[in-house]
Amino acid sequence: CRDLMGYEGPMAAIANRMTEIDVGGKKVRFLPTYHPAATIYNRASRADLMKAMEMVAEELGI
C-alpha cells in the first residue's frame, strides 16, 4: 500500500477501508486488504478476508 497510497503506517489501520487513489491522473477506488495466505497463519484474519470480499462484491454490484 505504501507504493500506491503513500501510506507508511500499520496495515491494520487501513485494511478493508475503501478509498480513492490517483492512478495516471484518474481516480480509482482502492481496497487495501491482507494477502489471502495470511489466513493460513492467522485464522482470525478469515473474517477480515470475508469482509473484504463482500465489499468487493458490493462495489461490483454482484
PDB file of N, CA and C in Angstrom:
ATOM      1  N   CYS A   1       0.816  -1.195   0.000  1.00  0.00           N
ATOM      2  CA  CYS A   1       0.000   0.000   0.000  1.00  0.00           C
ATOM      3  C   CYS A   1       0.854   1.251   0.000  1.00  0.00           C
ATOM      4  N   ARG A   2       2.039   1.152   0.542  1.00  0.00           N
ATOM      5  CA  ARG A   2       2.895   2.336   0.610  1.00  0.00           C
ATOM      6  C   ARG A   2       3.143   2.885  -0.791  1.00  0.00           C
ATOM      7  N   ASP A   3       3.373   2.015  -1.768  1.00  0.00           N
ATOM      8  CA  ASP A   3       3.661   2.490  -3.115  1.00  0.00           C
ATOM      9  C   ASP A   3       2.446   3.136  -3.778  1.00  0.00           C
ATOM     10  N   LEU A   4       1.263   2.622  -3.530  1.00  0.00           N
ATOM     11  CA  LEU A   4       0.060   3.154  -4.163  1.00  0.00           C
ATOM     12  C   LEU A   4      -0.554   4.322  -3.410  1.00  0.00           C
ATOM     13  N   MET A   5      -0.476   4.289  -2.095  1.00  0.00           N
ATOM     14  CA  MET A   5      -1.153   5.296  -1.285  1.00  0.00           C
ATOM     15  C   MET A   5      -0.215   6.305  -0.636  1.00  0.00           C
ATOM     16  N   GLY A   6       1.054   6.013  -0.604  1.00  0.00           N
ATOM     17  CA  GLY A   6       1.978   6.880   0.108  1.00  0.00           C
ATOM     18  C   GLY A   6       1.865   6.726   1.614  1.00  0.00           C
ATOM     19  N   TYR A   7       1.223   5.665   2.055  1.00  0.00           N
ATOM     20  CA  TYR A   7       0.984   5.402   3.471  1.00  0.00           C
ATOM     21  C   TYR A   7       2.094   4.519   4.016  1.00  0.00           C
ATOM     22  N   GLU A   8       2.591   4.835   5.204  1.00  0.00           N
ATOM     23  CA  GLU A   8       3.681   4.043   5.773  1.00  0.00           C
ATOM     24  C   GLU A   8       3.384   3.534   7.171  1.00  0.00           C
ATOM     25  N   GLY A   9       2.129   3.489   7.575  1.00  0.00           N
ATOM     26  CA  GLY A   9       1.767   3.013   8.905  1.00  0.00           C
ATOM     27  C   GLY A   9       1.393   1.546   8.896  1.00  0.00           C
ATOM     28  N   PRO A  10       0.804   1.081   9.987  1.00  0.00           N
ATOM     29  CA  PRO A  10       0.416  -0.327  10.080  1.00  0.00           C
ATOM     30  C   PRO A  10      -0.738  -0.670   9.129  1.00  0.00           C
ATOM     31  N   MET A  11      -0.662  -1.845   8.551  1.00  0.00           N
ATOM     32  CA  MET A  11      -1.697  -2.309   7.627  1.00  0.00           C
ATOM     33  C   MET A  11      -3.059  -2.366   8.304  1.00  0.00           C
ATOM     34  N   ALA A  12      -3.085  -2.736   9.567  1.00  0.00           N
ATOM     35  CA  ALA A  12      -4.356  -2.856  10.289  1.00  0.00           C
ATOM     36  C   ALA A  12      -5.152  -1.554  10.273  1.00  0.00           C
ATOM     37  N   ALA A  13      -4.480  -0.436  10.184  1.00  0.00           N
ATOM     38  CA  ALA A  13      -5.161   0.858  10.205  1.00  0.00           C
ATOM     39  C   ALA A  13      -5.901   1.164   8.906  1.00  0.00           C
ATOM     40  N   ILE A  14      -5.521   0.507   7.810  1.00  0.00           N
ATOM     41  CA  ILE A  14      -6.153   0.815   6.523  1.00  0.00           C
ATOM     42  C   ILE A  14      -6.832  -0.382   5.867  1.00  0.00           C
ATOM     43  N   ALA A  15      -6.633  -1.571   6.401  1.00  0.00           N
ATOM     44  CA  ALA A  15      -7.217  -2.776   5.797  1.00  0.00           C
ATOM     45  C   ALA A  15      -8.734  -2.683   5.774  1.00  0.00           C
ATOM     46  N   ASN A  16      -9.304  -3.083   4.644  1.00  0.00           N
ATOM     47  CA  ASN A  16     -10.751  -3.139   4.443  1.00  0.00           C
ATOM     48  C   ASN A  16     -11.429  -1.780   4.553  1.00  0.00           C
ATOM     49  N   ARG A  17     -10.735  -0.736   4.153  1.00  0.00           N
ATOM     50  CA  ARG A  17     -11.320   0.612   4.113  1.00  0.00           C
ATOM     51  C   ARG A  17     -11.196   1.142   2.692  1.00  0.00           C
ATOM     52  N   MET A  18     -12.336   1.225   2.011  1.00  0.00           N
ATOM     53  CA  MET A  18     -12.357   1.687   0.624  1.00  0.00           C
ATOM     54  C   MET A  18     -11.901   3.139   0.571  1.00  0.00           C
ATOM     55  N   THR A  19     -11.052   3.426  -0.392  1.00  0.00           N
ATOM     56  CA  THR A  19     -10.547   4.780  -0.578  1.00  0.00           C
ATOM     57  C   THR A  19     -10.362   5.026  -2.065  1.00  0.00           C
ATOM     58  N   GLU A  20     -10.011   6.226  -2.433  1.00  0.00           N
ATOM     59  CA  GLU A  20      -9.699   6.538  -3.823  1.00  0.00           C
ATOM     60  C   GLU A  20      -8.238   6.941  -3.910  1.00  0.00           C
ATOM     61  N   ILE A  21      -7.594   6.463  -4.964  1.00  0.00           N
ATOM     62  CA  ILE A  21      -6.210   6.857  -5.217  1.00  0.00           C
ATOM     63  C   ILE A  21      -6.124   7.377  -6.645  1.00  0.00           C
ATOM     64  N   ASP A  22      -5.080   8.111  -6.940  1.00  0.00           N
ATOM     65  CA  ASP A  22      -4.847   8.646  -8.270  1.00  0.00           C
ATOM     66  C   ASP A  22      -3.892   7.707  -9.012  1.00  0.00           C
ATOM     67  N   VAL A  23      -4.346   7.209 -10.159  1.00  0.00           N
ATOM     68  CA  VAL A  23      -3.513   6.330 -10.988  1.00  0.00           C
ATOM     69  C   VAL A  23      -3.479   6.925 -12.391  1.00  0.00           C
ATOM     70  N   GLY A  24      -2.362   7.473 -12.757  1.00  0.00           N
ATOM     71  CA  GLY A  24      -2.225   8.059 -14.090  1.00  0.00           C
ATOM     72  C   GLY A  24      -3.198   9.185 -14.358  1.00  0.00           C
ATOM     73  N   GLY A  25      -3.511   9.958 -13.327  1.00  0.00           N
ATOM     74  CA  GLY A  25      -4.435  11.080 -13.484  1.00  0.00           C
ATOM     75  C   GLY A  25      -5.898  10.714 -13.343  1.00  0.00           C
ATOM     76  N   LYS A  26      -6.198   9.452 -13.083  1.00  0.00           N
ATOM     77  CA  LYS A  26      -7.583   9.002 -12.892  1.00  0.00           C
ATOM     78  C   LYS A  26      -7.790   8.584 -11.453  1.00  0.00           C
ATOM     79  N   LYS A  27      -8.964   8.886 -10.917  1.00  0.00           N
ATOM     80  CA  LYS A  27      -9.332   8.427  -9.584  1.00  0.00           C
ATOM     81  C   LYS A  27      -9.803   6.977  -9.683  1.00  0.00           C
ATOM     82  N   VAL A  28      -9.241   6.131  -8.838  1.00  0.00           N
ATOM     83  CA  VAL A  28      -9.558   4.702  -8.841  1.00  0.00           C
ATOM     84  C   VAL A  28      -9.934   4.286  -7.429  1.00  0.00           C
ATOM     85  N   ARG A  29     -11.031   3.529  -7.292  1.00  0.00           N
ATOM     86  CA  ARG A  29     -11.420   3.005  -5.981  1.00  0.00           C
ATOM     87  C   ARG A  29     -10.418   1.919  -5.607  1.00  0.00           C
ATOM     88  N   PHE A  30      -9.987   1.928  -4.358  1.00  0.00           N
ATOM     89  CA  PHE A  30      -8.911   1.044  -3.908  1.00  0.00           C
ATOM     90  C   PHE A  30      -9.267   0.481  -2.543  1.00  0.00           C
ATOM     91  N   LEU A  31      -9.139  -0.835  -2.405  1.00  0.00           N
ATOM     92  CA  LEU A  31      -9.439  -1.507  -1.145  1.00  0.00           C
ATOM     93  C   LEU A  31      -8.205  -2.282  -0.696  1.00  0.00           C
ATOM     94  N   PRO A  32      -7.417  -1.709   0.207  1.00  0.00           N
ATOM     95  CA  PRO A  32      -6.262  -2.457   0.709  1.00  0.00           C
ATOM     96  C   PRO A  32      -6.720  -3.620   1.585  1.00  0.00           C
ATOM     97  N   THR A  33      -6.172  -4.793   1.331  1.00  0.00           N
ATOM     98  CA  THR A  33      -6.514  -5.986   2.109  1.00  0.00           C
ATOM     99  C   THR A  33      -5.242  -6.772   2.411  1.00  0.00           C
ATOM    100  N   TYR A  34      -5.364  -7.675   3.354  1.00  0.00           N
ATOM    101  CA  TYR A  34      -4.272  -8.605   3.613  1.00  0.00           C
ATOM    102  C   TYR A  34      -4.246  -9.646   2.504  1.00  0.00           C
ATOM    103  N   HIS A  35      -3.100 -10.232   2.267  1.00  0.00           N
ATOM    104  CA  HIS A  35      -2.988 -11.312   1.293  1.00  0.00           C
ATOM    105  C   HIS A  35      -3.797 -12.502   1.810  1.00  0.00           C
ATOM    106  N   PRO A  36      -4.554 -13.192   0.941  1.00  0.00           N
ATOM    107  CA  PRO A  36      -5.348 -14.337   1.396  1.00  0.00           C
ATOM    108  C   PRO A  36      -4.540 -15.403   2.133  1.00  0.00           C
ATOM    109  N   ALA A  37      -3.267 -15.564   1.814  1.00  0.00           N
ATOM    110  CA  ALA A  37      -2.441 -16.557   2.507  1.00  0.00           C
ATOM    111  C   ALA A  37      -2.287 -16.235   3.988  1.00  0.00           C
ATOM    112  N   ALA A  38      -2.547 -14.997   4.363  1.00  0.00           N
ATOM    113  CA  ALA A  38      -2.453 -14.621   5.781  1.00  0.00           C
ATOM    114  C   ALA A  38      -3.415 -15.443   6.631  1.00  0.00           C
ATOM    115  N   THR A  39      -4.500 -15.930   6.025  1.00  0.00           N
ATOM    116  CA  THR A  39      -5.469 -16.725   6.785  1.00  0.00           C
ATOM    117  C   THR A  39      -4.895 -18.082   7.188  1.00  0.00           C
ATOM    118  N   ILE A  40      -3.856 -18.528   6.506  1.00  0.00           N
ATOM    119  CA  ILE A  40      -3.206 -19.787   6.873  1.00  0.00           C
ATOM    120  C   ILE A  40      -2.487 -19.633   8.208  1.00  0.00           C
ATOM    121  N   TYR A  41      -1.853 -18.497   8.380  1.00  0.00           N
ATOM    122  CA  TYR A  41      -1.049 -18.252   9.577  1.00  0.00           C
ATOM    123  C   TYR A  41      -1.837 -17.622  10.715  1.00  0.00           C
ATOM    124  N   ASN A  42      -2.931 -16.973  10.371  1.00  0.00           N
ATOM    125  CA  ASN A  42      -3.748 -16.300  11.374  1.00  0.00           C
ATOM    126  C   ASN A  42      -5.216 -16.557  11.053  1.00  0.00           C
ATOM    127  N   ARG A  43      -5.769 -17.606  11.623  1.00  0.00           N
ATOM    128  CA  ARG A  43      -7.153 -17.993  11.323  1.00  0.00           C
ATOM    129  C   ARG A  43      -8.148 -16.881  11.634  1.00  0.00           C
ATOM    130  N   ALA A  44      -7.833 -16.041  12.593  1.00  0.00           N
ATOM    131  CA  ALA A  44      -8.738 -14.946  12.953  1.00  0.00           C
ATOM    132  C   ALA A  44      -8.886 -13.948  11.803  1.00  0.00           C
ATOM    133  N   SER A  45      -7.922 -13.921  10.888  1.00  0.00           N
ATOM    134  CA  SER A  45      -7.989 -12.973   9.778  1.00  0.00           C
ATOM    135  C   SER A  45      -8.979 -13.399   8.698  1.00  0.00           C
ATOM    136  N   ARG A  46      -9.530 -14.596   8.807  1.00  0.00           N
ATOM    137  CA  ARG A  46     -10.525 -15.051   7.819  1.00  0.00           C
ATOM    138  C   ARG A  46     -11.735 -14.137   7.779  1.00  0.00           C
ATOM    139  N   ALA A  47     -12.166 -13.664   8.927  1.00  0.00           N
ATOM    140  CA  ALA A  47     -13.318 -12.756   8.969  1.00  0.00           C
ATOM    141  C   ALA A  47     -13.006 -11.469   8.207  1.00  0.00           C
ATOM    142  N   ASP A  48     -11.785 -10.975   8.342  1.00  0.00           N
ATOM    143  CA  ASP A  48     -11.384  -9.770   7.613  1.00  0.00           C
ATOM    144  C   ASP A  48     -11.358 -10.024   6.111  1.00  0.00           C
ATOM    145  N   LEU A  49     -10.882 -11.191   5.708  1.00  0.00           N
ATOM    146  CA  LEU A  49     -10.848 -11.538   4.290  1.00  0.00           C
ATOM    147  C   LEU A  49     -12.265 -11.630   3.729  1.00  0.00           C
ATOM    148  N   MET A  50     -13.160 -12.264   4.461  1.00  0.00           N
ATOM    149  CA  MET A  50     -14.549 -12.372   4.003  1.00  0.00           C
ATOM    150  C   MET A  50     -15.198 -10.993   3.904  1.00  0.00           C
ATOM    151  N   LYS A  51     -14.909 -10.125   4.857  1.00  0.00           N
ATOM    152  CA  LYS A  51     -15.442  -8.761   4.810  1.00  0.00           C
ATOM    153  C   LYS A  51     -14.956  -8.054   3.551  1.00  0.00           C
ATOM    154  N   ALA A  52     -13.681  -8.207   3.236  1.00  0.00           N
ATOM    155  CA  ALA A  52     -13.122  -7.576   2.035  1.00  0.00           C
ATOM    156  C   ALA A  52     -13.804  -8.103   0.778  1.00  0.00           C
ATOM    157  N   MET A  53     -14.016  -9.417   0.698  1.00  0.00           N
ATOM    158  CA  MET A  53     -14.666  -9.999  -0.474  1.00  0.00           C
ATOM    159  C   MET A  53     -16.104  -9.503  -0.607  1.00  0.00           C
ATOM    160  N   GLU A  54     -16.797  -9.358   0.510  1.00  0.00           N
ATOM    161  CA  GLU A  54     -18.158  -8.820   0.487  1.00  0.00           C
ATOM    162  C   GLU A  54     -18.162  -7.374   0.002  1.00  0.00           C
ATOM    163  N   MET A  55     -17.182  -6.596   0.424  1.00  0.00           N
ATOM    164  CA  MET A  55     -17.087  -5.203  -0.014  1.00  0.00           C
ATOM    165  C   MET A  55     -16.833  -5.118  -1.517  1.00  0.00           C
ATOM    166  N   VAL A  56     -15.985  -5.994  -2.031  1.00  0.00           N
ATOM    167  CA  VAL A  56     -15.704  -6.015  -3.468  1.00  0.00           C
ATOM    168  C   VAL A  56     -16.964  -6.404  -4.238  1.00  0.00           C
ATOM    169  N   ALA A  57     -17.664  -7.419  -3.774  1.00  0.00           N
ATOM    170  CA  ALA A  57     -18.896  -7.851  -4.437  1.00  0.00           C
ATOM    171  C   ALA A  57     -19.923  -6.721  -4.455  1.00  0.00           C
ATOM    172  N   GLU A  58     -20.055  -6.019  -3.344  1.00  0.00           N
ATOM    173  CA  GLU A  58     -20.998  -4.896  -3.278  1.00  0.00           C
ATOM    174  C   GLU A  58     -20.577  -3.785  -4.243  1.00  0.00           C
ATOM    175  N   GLU A  59     -19.300  -3.488  -4.284  1.00  0.00           N
ATOM    176  CA  GLU A  59     -18.779  -2.446  -5.179  1.00  0.00           C
ATOM    177  C   GLU A  59     -19.058  -2.796  -6.640  1.00  0.00           C
ATOM    178  N   LEU A  60     -18.968  -4.093  -6.966  1.00  0.00           N
ATOM    179  CA  LEU A  60     -19.205  -4.550  -8.335  1.00  0.00           C
ATOM    180  C   LEU A  60     -20.676  -4.806  -8.631  1.00  0.00           C
ATOM    181  N   GLY A  61     -21.510  -4.743  -7.604  1.00  0.00           N
ATOM    182  CA  GLY A  61     -22.937  -4.973  -7.794  1.00  0.00           C
ATOM    183  C   GLY A  61     -23.293  -6.429  -7.998  1.00  0.00           C
ATOM    184  N   ILE A  62     -22.514  -7.324  -7.375  1.00  0.00           N
ATOM    185  CA  ILE A  62     -22.814  -8.760  -7.517  1.00  0.00           C
ATOM    186  C   ILE A  62     -23.086  -9.389  -6.166  1.00  0.00           C
TER     187      ILE A  62
END
